[in-house]
C-alpha atoms as a PDB file:
ATOM      1  CA  UNK A   1     -57.450  51.311  68.703  1.00  0.00           C
ATOM      2  CA  UNK A   2     -59.560  48.285  69.937  1.00  0.00           C
ATOM      3  CA  UNK A   3     -62.699  50.202  69.481  1.00  0.00           C
ATOM      4  CA  UNK A   4     -61.627  51.005  65.574  1.00  0.00           C
ATOM      5  CA  UNK A   5     -60.889  47.307  65.205  1.00  0.00           C
ATOM      6  CA  UNK A   6     -64.157  46.229  66.438  1.00  0.00           C
ATOM      7  CA  UNK A   7     -65.890  48.747  64.266  1.00  0.00           C
ATOM      8  CA  UNK A   8     -64.013  47.515  61.515  1.00  0.00           C
ATOM      9  CA  UNK A   9     -65.125  43.883  61.914  1.00  0.00           C
ATOM     10  CA  UNK A  10     -68.668  44.990  62.680  1.00  0.00           C
ATOM     11  CA  UNK A  11     -68.674  46.787  59.664  1.00  0.00           C
ATOM     12  CA  UNK A  12     -67.129  43.807  57.375  1.00  0.00           C
ATOM     13  CA  UNK A  13     -69.567  41.462  58.882  1.00  0.00           C
ATOM     14  CA  UNK A  14     -72.882  43.776  58.223  1.00  0.00           C
ATOM     15  CA  UNK A  15     -71.250  43.822  54.556  1.00  0.00           C
ATOM     16  CA  UNK A  16     -71.339  40.300  53.998  1.00  0.00           C
ATOM     17  CA  UNK A  17     -74.771  40.132  55.648  1.00  0.00           C
ATOM     18  CA  UNK A  18     -76.609  42.291  53.115  1.00  0.00           C
ATOM     19  CA  UNK A  19     -77.992  40.627  50.272  1.00  0.00           C
ATOM     20  CA  UNK A  20     -76.282  41.938  46.750  1.00  0.00           C
ATOM     21  CA  UNK A  21     -77.405  41.601  43.460  1.00  0.00           C
ATOM     22  CA  UNK A  22     -74.126  39.312  42.506  1.00  0.00           C
ATOM     23  CA  UNK A  23     -75.623  36.562  44.925  1.00  0.00           C
ATOM     24  CA  UNK A  24     -78.997  36.293  42.977  1.00  0.00           C
ATOM     25  CA  UNK A  25     -78.969  33.102  41.339  1.00  0.00           C
ATOM     26  CA  UNK A  26     -79.286  33.220  37.171  1.00  0.00           C
ATOM     27  CA  UNK A  27     -82.341  32.818  35.533  1.00  0.00           C
ATOM     28  CA  UNK A  28     -82.540  29.083  34.473  1.00  0.00           C
ATOM     29  CA  UNK A  29     -82.211  28.451  30.539  1.00  0.00           C
ATOM     30  CA  UNK A  30     -85.497  27.810  28.613  1.00  0.00           C
ATOM     31  CA  UNK A  31     -85.508  24.158  28.060  1.00  0.00           C
ATOM     32  CA  UNK A  32     -85.552  23.175  24.187  1.00  0.00           C
ATOM     33  CA  UNK A  33     -88.695  22.081  23.138  1.00  0.00           C
ATOM     34  CA  UNK A  34     -89.508  18.867  21.624  1.00  0.00           C
ATOM     35  CA  UNK A  35     -88.221  18.848  17.743  1.00  0.00           C
ATOM     36  CA  UNK A  36     -90.112  15.586  16.504  1.00  0.00           C
ATOM     37  CA  UNK A  37     -92.756  14.193  18.742  1.00  0.00           C
ATOM     38  CA  UNK A  38     -92.555  10.865  16.726  1.00  0.00           C
ATOM     39  CA  UNK A  39     -89.102  10.100  18.029  1.00  0.00           C
ATOM     40  CA  UNK A  40     -89.857  10.595  21.476  1.00  0.00           C
ATOM     41  CA  UNK A  41     -90.189   7.542  24.118  1.00  0.00           C
ATOM     42  CA  UNK A  42     -90.469   7.663  27.973  1.00  0.00           C
ATOM     43  CA  UNK A  43     -87.952   5.473  29.609  1.00  0.00           C
ATOM     44  CA  UNK A  44     -87.869   4.992  33.479  1.00  0.00           C
ATOM     45  CA  UNK A  45     -90.058   8.357  33.806  1.00  0.00           C
ATOM     46  CA  UNK A  46     -87.773  10.614  31.540  1.00  0.00           C
ATOM     47  CA  UNK A  47     -88.794  11.828  27.710  1.00  0.00           C
ATOM     48  CA  UNK A  48     -85.894  10.915  25.374  1.00  0.00           C
ATOM     49  CA  UNK A  49     -85.971  12.498  22.114  1.00  0.00           C
ATOM     50  CA  UNK A  50     -83.817  10.603  19.413  1.00  0.00           C
ATOM     51  CA  UNK A  51     -82.417  12.415  16.520  1.00  0.00           C
ATOM     52  CA  UNK A  52     -82.660  10.144  13.443  1.00  0.00           C
ATOM     53  CA  UNK A  53     -80.033  12.765  11.393  1.00  0.00           C
ATOM     54  CA  UNK A  54     -77.282  13.237  13.891  1.00  0.00           C
ATOM     55  CA  UNK A  55     -74.500  10.801  14.793  1.00  0.00           C
ATOM     56  CA  UNK A  56     -71.447  11.492  17.585  1.00  0.00           C
ATOM     57  CA  UNK A  57     -67.866  10.439  17.122  1.00  0.00           C
ATOM     58  CA  UNK A  58     -66.229   9.704  20.277  1.00  0.00           C
ATOM     59  CA  UNK A  59     -62.685  11.316  20.449  1.00  0.00           C
ATOM     60  CA  UNK A  60     -60.115  11.167  23.107  1.00  0.00           C
ATOM     61  CA  UNK A  61     -58.906  14.622  24.473  1.00  0.00           C
ATOM     62  CA  UNK A  62     -56.355  15.512  27.223  1.00  0.00           C
ATOM     63  CA  UNK A  63     -53.859  12.734  26.539  1.00  0.00           C
ATOM     64  CA  UNK A  64     -56.786  10.231  26.266  1.00  0.00           C
ATOM     65  CA  UNK A  65     -58.279  10.885  29.667  1.00  0.00           C
ATOM     66  CA  UNK A  66     -61.277  12.549  28.391  1.00  0.00           C
ATOM     67  CA  UNK A  67     -63.855  11.499  25.679  1.00  0.00           C
ATOM     68  CA  UNK A  68     -65.641  14.184  23.674  1.00  0.00           C
ATOM     69  CA  UNK A  69     -68.216  13.690  21.189  1.00  0.00           C
ATOM     70  CA  UNK A  70     -68.381  15.550  18.056  1.00  0.00           C
ATOM     71  CA  UNK A  71     -71.804  15.837  16.300  1.00  0.00           C
ATOM     72  CA  UNK A  72     -72.103  15.598  12.637  1.00  0.00           C
ATOM     73  CA  UNK A  73     -75.205  15.469  10.492  1.00  0.00           C
ATOM     74  CA  UNK A  74     -75.964  11.820   8.759  1.00  0.00           C
ATOM     75  CA  UNK A  75     -78.705  10.099   6.860  1.00  0.00           C
ATOM     76  CA  UNK A  76     -81.760   8.904   9.103  1.00  0.00           C
ATOM     77  CA  UNK A  77     -80.924   5.140   7.830  1.00  0.00           C
ATOM     78  CA  UNK A  78     -77.253   5.381   8.610  1.00  0.00           C
ATOM     79  CA  UNK A  79     -76.588   2.744  11.097  1.00  0.00           C
ATOM     80  CA  UNK A  80     -75.014   3.205  14.461  1.00  0.00           C
ATOM     81  CA  UNK A  81     -71.518   2.208  14.752  1.00  0.00           C
ATOM     82  CA  UNK A  82     -68.602   2.651  17.566  1.00  0.00           C
ATOM     83  CA  UNK A  83     -67.523   5.643  15.952  1.00  0.00           C
ATOM     84  CA  UNK A  84     -71.268   6.878  14.579  1.00  0.00           C
ATOM     85  CA  UNK A  85     -73.245   6.856  18.169  1.00  0.00           C
ATOM     86  CA  UNK A  86     -76.800   7.592  18.511  1.00  0.00           C
ATOM     87  CA  UNK A  87     -77.555  11.346  19.770  1.00  0.00           C
ATOM     88  CA  UNK A  88     -80.576  11.574  22.328  1.00  0.00           C
ATOM     89  CA  UNK A  89     -82.169  14.501  24.261  1.00  0.00           C
ATOM     90  CA  UNK A  90     -83.322  13.957  27.731  1.00  0.00           C
ATOM     91  CA  UNK A  91     -85.953  16.484  28.137  1.00  0.00           C
ATOM     92  CA  UNK A  92     -86.571  15.662  31.686  1.00  0.00           C
ATOM     93  CA  UNK A  93     -82.982  16.087  33.083  1.00  0.00           C
ATOM     94  CA  UNK A  94     -82.093  18.680  30.041  1.00  0.00           C
ATOM     95  CA  UNK A  95     -79.073  16.734  29.166  1.00  0.00           C
ATOM     96  CA  UNK A  96     -77.654  15.531  25.770  1.00  0.00           C
ATOM     97  CA  UNK A  97     -76.604  11.771  25.476  1.00  0.00           C
ATOM     98  CA  UNK A  98     -75.284   8.985  23.112  1.00  0.00           C
ATOM     99  CA  UNK A  99     -76.393   5.684  22.649  1.00  0.00           C
ATOM    100  CA  UNK A 100     -75.123   2.368  20.747  1.00  0.00           C
ATOM    101  CA  UNK A 101     -78.633   1.068  20.081  1.00  0.00           C
ATOM    102  CA  UNK A 102     -78.290  -1.337  22.876  1.00  0.00           C
ATOM    103  CA  UNK A 103     -81.869  -1.899  24.579  1.00  0.00           C
ATOM    104  CA  UNK A 104     -81.290  -4.191  27.690  1.00  0.00           C
ATOM    105  CA  UNK A 105     -84.151  -6.117  29.430  1.00  0.00           C
ATOM    106  CA  UNK A 106     -84.914  -8.869  32.067  1.00  0.00           C
ATOM    107  CA  UNK A 107     -87.762 -11.310  31.799  1.00  0.00           C
ATOM    108  CA  UNK A 108     -90.135 -11.940  34.726  1.00  0.00           C
ATOM    109  CA  UNK A 109     -89.466 -15.166  36.192  1.00  0.00           C
ATOM    110  CA  UNK A 110     -85.996 -15.701  34.861  1.00  0.00           C
ATOM    111  CA  UNK A 111     -86.687 -17.408  31.795  1.00  0.00           C
ATOM    112  CA  UNK A 112     -86.379 -15.787  28.151  1.00  0.00           C
ATOM    113  CA  UNK A 113     -89.688 -15.944  26.332  1.00  0.00           C
ATOM    114  CA  UNK A 114     -89.520 -18.547  23.843  1.00  0.00           C
ATOM    115  CA  UNK A 115     -91.277 -16.087  21.093  1.00  0.00           C
ATOM    116  CA  UNK A 116     -88.116 -13.101  22.005  1.00  0.00           C
ATOM    117  CA  UNK A 117     -85.599 -16.334  21.329  1.00  0.00           C
ATOM    118  CA  UNK A 118     -87.375 -17.257  18.103  1.00  0.00           C
ATOM    119  CA  UNK A 119     -87.756 -13.692  16.754  1.00  0.00           C
ATOM    120  CA  UNK A 120     -84.319 -13.377  15.712  1.00  0.00           C
ATOM    121  CA  UNK A 121     -83.648  -9.900  17.249  1.00  0.00           C
ATOM    122  CA  UNK A 122     -80.415  -8.531  16.192  1.00  0.00           C
ATOM    123  CA  UNK A 123     -77.708  -9.046  18.801  1.00  0.00           C
ATOM    124  CA  UNK A 124     -79.819 -10.847  21.340  1.00  0.00           C
ATOM    125  CA  UNK A 125     -77.503 -11.950  24.222  1.00  0.00           C
ATOM    126  CA  UNK A 126     -77.565 -12.431  27.961  1.00  0.00           C
ATOM    127  CA  UNK A 127     -75.058  -9.756  29.423  1.00  0.00           C
ATOM    128  CA  UNK A 128     -75.451 -10.123  32.953  1.00  0.00           C
ATOM    129  CA  UNK A 129     -76.398 -13.602  34.519  1.00  0.00           C
ATOM    130  CA  UNK A 130     -78.851 -14.969  35.392  1.00  0.00           C
ATOM    131  CA  UNK A 131     -81.084 -13.049  33.417  1.00  0.00           C
ATOM    132  CA  UNK A 132     -80.547  -9.623  31.983  1.00  0.00           C
ATOM    133  CA  UNK A 133     -80.488  -9.598  28.138  1.00  0.00           C
ATOM    134  CA  UNK A 134     -79.699  -6.973  25.126  1.00  0.00           C
ATOM    135  CA  UNK A 135     -80.688  -6.594  22.040  1.00  0.00           C
ATOM    136  CA  UNK A 136     -79.185  -4.180  19.535  1.00  0.00           C
ATOM    137  CA  UNK A 137     -81.034  -1.543  17.122  1.00  0.00           C
ATOM    138  CA  UNK A 138     -79.283  -0.371  13.881  1.00  0.00           C
ATOM    139  CA  UNK A 139     -80.950   2.913  13.347  1.00  0.00           C
ATOM    140  CA  UNK A 140     -83.029   5.278  15.679  1.00  0.00           C
ATOM    141  CA  UNK A 141     -86.424   4.403  14.146  1.00  0.00           C
ATOM    142  CA  UNK A 142     -85.519   0.932  14.633  1.00  0.00           C
ATOM    143  CA  UNK A 143     -84.728   1.735  18.206  1.00  0.00           C
ATOM    144  CA  UNK A 144     -87.932   3.249  18.946  1.00  0.00           C
ATOM    145  CA  UNK A 145     -90.015   0.719  17.564  1.00  0.00           C
ATOM    146  CA  UNK A 146     -87.893  -1.969  19.121  1.00  0.00           C
ATOM    147  CA  UNK A 147     -87.992  -0.323  22.450  1.00  0.00           C
ATOM    148  CA  UNK A 148     -91.854   0.295  22.187  1.00  0.00           C
ATOM    149  CA  UNK A 149     -92.402  -3.337  21.433  1.00  0.00           C
ATOM    150  CA  UNK A 150     -90.381  -4.751  24.304  1.00  0.00           C
ATOM    151  CA  UNK A 151     -91.908  -2.227  26.816  1.00  0.00           C
ATOM    152  CA  UNK A 152     -95.515  -3.139  25.938  1.00  0.00           C
ATOM    153  CA  UNK A 153     -94.825  -7.047  26.830  1.00  0.00           C
ATOM    154  CA  UNK A 154     -96.364  -7.864  30.092  1.00  0.00           C
ATOM    155  CA  UNK A 155     -93.716 -10.945  30.399  1.00  0.00           C
ATOM    156  CA  UNK A 156     -90.575  -8.613  30.878  1.00  0.00           C
ATOM    157  CA  UNK A 157     -89.788  -7.060  34.304  1.00  0.00           C
ATOM    158  CA  UNK A 158     -88.037  -3.920  32.982  1.00  0.00           C
ATOM    159  CA  UNK A 159     -86.904  -2.307  29.445  1.00  0.00           C
ATOM    160  CA  UNK A 160     -83.980   0.147  29.559  1.00  0.00           C
ATOM    161  CA  UNK A 161     -81.746   1.856  26.941  1.00  0.00           C
ATOM    162  CA  UNK A 162     -78.584   2.560  28.455  1.00  0.00           C
ATOM    163  CA  UNK A 163     -77.463   6.367  27.625  1.00  0.00           C
ATOM    164  CA  UNK A 164     -73.981   8.017  28.100  1.00  0.00           C
ATOM    165  CA  UNK A 165     -74.368  11.530  29.272  1.00  0.00           C
ATOM    166  CA  UNK A 166     -70.926  12.408  28.192  1.00  0.00           C
ATOM    167  CA  UNK A 167     -69.059  15.453  27.214  1.00  0.00           C
ATOM    168  CA  UNK A 168     -70.026  16.925  23.438  1.00  0.00           C
ATOM    169  CA  UNK A 169     -67.937  19.331  21.607  1.00  0.00           C
ATOM    170  CA  UNK A 170     -71.200  20.820  20.231  1.00  0.00           C
ATOM    171  CA  UNK A 171     -74.936  21.220  20.785  1.00  0.00           C
ATOM    172  CA  UNK A 172     -77.472  18.924  19.308  1.00  0.00           C
ATOM    173  CA  UNK A 173     -79.905  21.591  18.706  1.00  0.00           C
ATOM    174  CA  UNK A 174     -77.248  23.942  17.239  1.00  0.00           C
ATOM    175  CA  UNK A 175     -75.978  21.179  14.612  1.00  0.00           C
ATOM    176  CA  UNK A 176     -79.804  20.588  13.745  1.00  0.00           C
ATOM    177  CA  UNK A 177     -80.567  24.016  13.189  1.00  0.00           C
ATOM    178  CA  UNK A 178     -77.426  24.335  11.190  1.00  0.00           C
ATOM    179  CA  UNK A 179     -78.027  21.596   8.921  1.00  0.00           C
ATOM    180  CA  UNK A 180     -81.481  22.687   8.501  1.00  0.00           C
ATOM    181  CA  UNK A 181     -80.336  25.953   7.586  1.00  0.00           C
ATOM    182  CA  UNK A 182     -78.207  24.842   4.946  1.00  0.00           C
ATOM    183  CA  UNK A 183     -80.645  22.082   3.727  1.00  0.00           C
ATOM    184  CA  UNK A 184     -78.816  19.010   4.554  1.00  0.00           C
ATOM    185  CA  UNK A 185     -81.235  17.534   6.777  1.00  0.00           C
ATOM    186  CA  UNK A 186     -83.880  17.767   4.186  1.00  0.00           C
ATOM    187  CA  UNK A 187     -81.596  15.920   1.682  1.00  0.00           C
ATOM    188  CA  UNK A 188     -80.963  13.285   4.218  1.00  0.00           C
ATOM    189  CA  UNK A 189     -84.636  12.529   5.364  1.00  0.00           C
ATOM    190  CA  UNK A 190     -85.213  12.326   1.266  1.00  0.00           C
ATOM    191  CA  UNK A 191     -82.151   9.844   0.978  1.00  0.00           C
ATOM    192  CA  UNK A 192     -83.573   7.706   3.992  1.00  0.00           C
ATOM    193  CA  UNK A 193     -87.031   7.466   2.340  1.00  0.00           C
ATOM    194  CA  UNK A 194     -85.685   5.936  -0.678  1.00  0.00           C
END
């Protein structure tokens, strides 16, 4: 009886030791390609693509414990709002994220440069003492331009775009493809150009 139990144990261990096809990792999905190179920025070594014609509406689910973002098509010049967040795709980590238009930065030496104070940046305010500031862009195009101009300054220590990589009810690329197929994106781009 002992020999049968020992043989059964050896057989079971041997079966687990043999690699099987079920243990092979699935191939990685192909990374989405950049849709609009003009809307790509590099932030902290990561390539971020902003989608001008997409907005995300946060919705509470599961009794208020989970926030899910539902993507919709919008005009390219439609402003960001609490219920109409911007949509970005981080091509480096392959994740979709949501943004409010905020850009945070810290001046070198702890003092805000005078030309930034007097430039009338929308929403300029100190958010963390002693020297972390924020400005707010209203549209994806303004966000890209403002981020680029702040990042090019030598008197700022760092410049960042806060992005929330939360849960989405739908995929940005699928929404863009559907909008393109229906012609909605083209109509929105024409409206924004007027």
